[in-house]
Amino acid sequence: MDEDPAAYLILKLRADIHQLGFAIRQLQRAGLDDAAAQLLLARKRAMLESAALGPIVVRAKSEQPPERLQNQKSPALPRDF
């Protein structure tokens, strides 16, 4: 059975988030530091949001299109750098 890789990734991230939430609750009950687990949980949530939304290309207003960037020379670095 062929499954969509994006759907599998979303399911895996949801399971990871559930497990991290459980681990954080256990750490809090034991009175231990849960900062590392909280950071990992935030990262997994961001990954889930990104996977659910799909690829999004964001470009700043000041950023030029790629074809213009190729025609410009990059500034030279100083010799002592």
Protein backbone atom coordinates (compact mmCIF):
# COMPACT_ATOMS: atom_id res chain seq x y z
CA MET A 1 0.00 0.00 0.00
CA ASP A 2 1.52 3.31 -1.12
CA GLU A 3 0.98 6.16 1.28
CA ASP A 4 1.50 9.86 0.79
CA PRO A 5 4.85 10.81 2.40
CA ALA A 6 3.40 14.14 3.59
CA ALA A 7 0.50 12.38 5.31
CA TYR A 8 2.91 9.95 6.97
CA LEU A 9 5.09 12.85 8.15
CA ILE A 10 2.07 14.62 9.62
CA LEU A 11 0.98 11.47 11.48
CA LYS A 12 4.50 10.91 12.80
CA LEU A 13 4.80 14.51 13.99
CA ARG A 14 1.43 14.29 15.75
CA ALA A 15 2.56 11.12 17.54
CA ASP A 16 5.86 12.78 18.53
CA ILE A 17 3.99 15.81 19.88
CA HIS A 18 1.69 13.56 21.91
CA GLN A 19 4.67 11.69 23.40
CA LEU A 20 6.50 14.94 24.19
CA GLY A 21 3.42 16.33 25.92
CA PHE A 22 3.24 13.21 28.06
CA ALA A 23 6.97 13.44 28.89
CA ILE A 24 6.64 17.12 29.83
CA ARG A 25 3.76 16.35 32.20
CA GLN A 26 5.84 13.61 33.84
CA LEU A 27 8.81 15.95 34.26
CA GLN A 28 6.59 18.65 35.76
CA ARG A 29 5.04 16.19 38.22
CA ALA A 30 8.50 15.08 39.29
CA GLY A 31 9.57 18.70 39.76
CA LEU A 32 12.29 18.45 37.12
CA ASP A 33 13.35 20.93 34.45
CA ASP A 34 11.32 20.51 31.27
CA ALA A 35 12.82 23.36 29.21
CA ALA A 36 14.56 21.12 26.67
CA ALA A 37 11.39 19.10 26.13
CA GLN A 38 9.37 22.33 25.77
CA LEU A 39 11.76 23.58 23.08
CA LEU A 40 11.60 20.28 21.23
CA LEU A 41 7.81 20.34 21.46
CA ALA A 42 7.69 23.85 19.96
CA ARG A 43 9.99 22.73 17.15
CA LYS A 44 7.84 19.69 16.36
CA ARG A 45 4.70 21.85 16.35
CA ALA A 46 6.34 24.24 13.90
CA MET A 47 7.36 21.30 11.71
CA LEU A 48 3.78 19.98 11.82
CA GLU A 49 2.38 23.37 10.86
CA SER A 50 4.87 23.63 8.01
CA ALA A 51 4.05 20.13 6.76
CA ALA A 52 0.33 20.74 6.95
CA LEU A 53 0.52 24.02 5.02
CA GLY A 54 2.85 22.73 2.35
CA PRO A 55 5.70 24.63 0.72
CA ILE A 56 5.35 28.38 1.03
CA VAL A 57 7.81 30.79 -0.55
CA VAL A 58 8.12 34.10 1.25
CA ARG A 59 10.21 36.89 -0.16
CA ALA A 60 10.90 40.29 1.39
CA LYS A 61 9.73 43.34 -0.55
CA SER A 62 13.31 44.54 -0.94
CA GLU A 63 14.49 41.21 -2.31
CA GLN A 64 15.01 41.13 -6.06
CA PRO A 65 13.89 38.28 -8.30
CA PRO A 66 16.58 35.62 -8.90
CA GLU A 67 17.26 36.68 -12.50
CA ARG A 68 18.36 40.14 -11.35
CA LEU A 69 20.59 38.76 -8.62
CA GLN A 70 22.58 36.73 -11.15
CA ASN A 71 23.50 39.84 -13.14
CA GLN A 72 24.95 41.70 -10.17
CA LYS A 73 28.52 41.20 -8.96
CA SER A 74 29.02 40.47 -5.30
CA PRO A 75 31.19 42.96 -3.38
CA ALA A 76 34.81 41.96 -2.92
CA LEU A 77 35.98 40.99 0.56
CA PRO A 78 38.81 43.00 2.13
CA ARG A 79 42.24 41.38 1.81
CA ASP A 80 42.73 41.01 5.55
CA PHE A 81 39.41 39.16 5.96
